[in-house]
Amino acid sequence: MTDTEIKIKGFEALAESLGLVDAERFISLMMRESFDYTKWQRSLWSDKTVSEISSAAMNLRHNEELDKWRLRQE
């Protein structure tokens, strides 16, 4: 996947989750502030074990694959 494709998919995910206005607001906040992604990521998942995060990621991927399969069946 190219950098452009990642940016597009990332914004689409933000917009779907937050709505267009708050997605743009989120991006603005990230660009405006001094931001340490690694520190942010560590605090984001501090209450989860590696196993819990992995399980959630696998479940999400499985559900996305099911959604794609269902769309092909329609």
C-alpha atoms as a PDB file:
ATOM      1  CA  MET A   1       0.000   0.000   0.000  1.00  0.00           C
ATOM      2  CA  THR A   2       1.375   3.428  -0.914  1.00  0.00           C
ATOM      3  CA  ASP A   3       1.688   6.359   1.483  1.00  0.00           C
ATOM      4  CA  THR A   4      -1.163   8.093  -0.346  1.00  0.00           C
ATOM      5  CA  GLU A   5      -3.412   5.056   0.023  1.00  0.00           C
ATOM      6  CA  ILE A   6      -2.619   4.877   3.744  1.00  0.00           C
ATOM      7  CA  LYS A   7      -3.475   8.573   4.162  1.00  0.00           C
ATOM      8  CA  ILE A   8      -6.768   8.115   2.331  1.00  0.00           C
ATOM      9  CA  LYS A   9      -7.754   5.002   4.290  1.00  0.00           C
ATOM     10  CA  GLY A  10      -6.689   6.640   7.550  1.00  0.00           C
ATOM     11  CA  PHE A  11      -8.796   9.710   6.915  1.00  0.00           C
ATOM     12  CA  GLU A  12     -11.742   7.547   5.847  1.00  0.00           C
ATOM     13  CA  ALA A  13     -11.458   5.609   9.117  1.00  0.00           C
ATOM     14  CA  LEU A  14     -11.316   8.827  11.128  1.00  0.00           C
ATOM     15  CA  ALA A  15     -14.237  10.347   9.245  1.00  0.00           C
ATOM     16  CA  GLU A  16     -16.326   7.207   9.696  1.00  0.00           C
ATOM     17  CA  SER A  17     -15.557   7.091  13.405  1.00  0.00           C
ATOM     18  CA  LEU A  18     -15.665  10.805  14.250  1.00  0.00           C
ATOM     19  CA  GLY A  19     -17.533  12.440  11.386  1.00  0.00           C
ATOM     20  CA  LEU A  20     -15.891  14.802   8.893  1.00  0.00           C
ATOM     21  CA  VAL A  21     -15.671  17.863  11.137  1.00  0.00           C
ATOM     22  CA  ASP A  22     -14.168  16.075  14.139  1.00  0.00           C
ATOM     23  CA  ALA A  23     -11.816  14.039  11.904  1.00  0.00           C
ATOM     24  CA  GLU A  24     -10.382  17.280  10.534  1.00  0.00           C
ATOM     25  CA  ARG A  25     -10.270  18.672  14.064  1.00  0.00           C
ATOM     26  CA  PHE A  26      -8.319  15.595  15.220  1.00  0.00           C
ATOM     27  CA  ILE A  27      -5.786  16.026  12.417  1.00  0.00           C
ATOM     28  CA  SER A  28      -5.446  19.713  13.234  1.00  0.00           C
ATOM     29  CA  LEU A  29      -4.814  18.915  16.892  1.00  0.00           C
ATOM     30  CA  MET A  30      -2.162  16.326  16.009  1.00  0.00           C
ATOM     31  CA  MET A  31      -0.354  18.716  13.679  1.00  0.00           C
ATOM     32  CA  ARG A  32      -0.563  21.727  15.985  1.00  0.00           C
ATOM     33  CA  GLU A  33       0.818  20.122  19.125  1.00  0.00           C
ATOM     34  CA  SER A  34       4.243  18.718  19.763  1.00  0.00           C
ATOM     35  CA  PHE A  35       3.471  15.029  19.454  1.00  0.00           C
ATOM     36  CA  ASP A  36       5.412  11.910  20.424  1.00  0.00           C
ATOM     37  CA  TYR A  37       3.607   9.052  18.685  1.00  0.00           C
ATOM     38  CA  THR A  38       5.475   6.348  20.628  1.00  0.00           C
ATOM     39  CA  LYS A  39       4.610   7.868  24.005  1.00  0.00           C
ATOM     40  CA  TRP A  40       0.981   8.344  22.920  1.00  0.00           C
ATOM     41  CA  GLN A  41       0.747   4.746  21.687  1.00  0.00           C
ATOM     42  CA  ARG A  42       2.128   3.385  24.963  1.00  0.00           C
ATOM     43  CA  SER A  43      -0.424   5.286  27.018  1.00  0.00           C
ATOM     44  CA  LEU A  44      -3.253   4.408  24.621  1.00  0.00           C
ATOM     45  CA  TRP A  45      -2.994   0.685  25.365  1.00  0.00           C
ATOM     46  CA  SER A  46      -1.542   0.818  28.895  1.00  0.00           C
ATOM     47  CA  ASP A  47      -4.493  -1.063  30.405  1.00  0.00           C
ATOM     48  CA  LYS A  48      -4.316  -3.929  27.865  1.00  0.00           C
ATOM     49  CA  THR A  49      -1.986  -6.902  27.604  1.00  0.00           C
ATOM     50  CA  VAL A  50      -0.272  -7.805  24.343  1.00  0.00           C
ATOM     51  CA  SER A  51      -2.546 -10.842  24.152  1.00  0.00           C
ATOM     52  CA  GLU A  52      -5.689  -8.681  24.512  1.00  0.00           C
ATOM     53  CA  ILE A  53      -4.529  -6.252  21.829  1.00  0.00           C
ATOM     54  CA  SER A  54      -3.604  -9.113  19.502  1.00  0.00           C
ATOM     55  CA  SER A  55      -6.953 -10.818  20.035  1.00  0.00           C
ATOM     56  CA  ALA A  56      -8.855  -7.576  19.346  1.00  0.00           C
ATOM     57  CA  ALA A  57      -6.842  -7.003  16.161  1.00  0.00           C
ATOM     58  CA  MET A  58      -7.465 -10.553  14.945  1.00  0.00           C
ATOM     59  CA  ASN A  59     -11.191 -10.227  15.661  1.00  0.00           C
ATOM     60  CA  LEU A  60     -11.333  -6.934  13.771  1.00  0.00           C
ATOM     61  CA  ARG A  61      -9.553  -8.441  10.781  1.00  0.00           C
ATOM     62  CA  HIS A  62     -11.824 -11.482  10.823  1.00  0.00           C
ATOM     63  CA  ASN A  63     -14.914  -9.248  10.908  1.00  0.00           C
ATOM     64  CA  GLU A  64     -13.591  -7.119   8.047  1.00  0.00           C
ATOM     65  CA  GLU A  65     -12.983 -10.250   5.972  1.00  0.00           C
ATOM     66  CA  LEU A  66     -16.518 -11.442   6.717  1.00  0.00           C
ATOM     67  CA  ASP A  67     -17.903  -8.066   5.626  1.00  0.00           C
ATOM     68  CA  LYS A  68     -15.961  -8.255   2.350  1.00  0.00           C
ATOM     69  CA  TRP A  69     -17.190 -11.796   1.754  1.00  0.00           C
ATOM     70  CA  ARG A  70     -20.795 -10.755   2.425  1.00  0.00           C
ATOM     71  CA  LEU A  71     -20.496  -7.869  -0.016  1.00  0.00           C
ATOM     72  CA  ARG A  72     -19.258 -10.227  -2.724  1.00  0.00           C
ATOM     73  CA  GLN A  73     -22.257 -12.495  -2.100  1.00  0.00           C
ATOM     74  CA  GLU A  74     -24.768  -9.691  -2.732  1.00  0.00           C
END
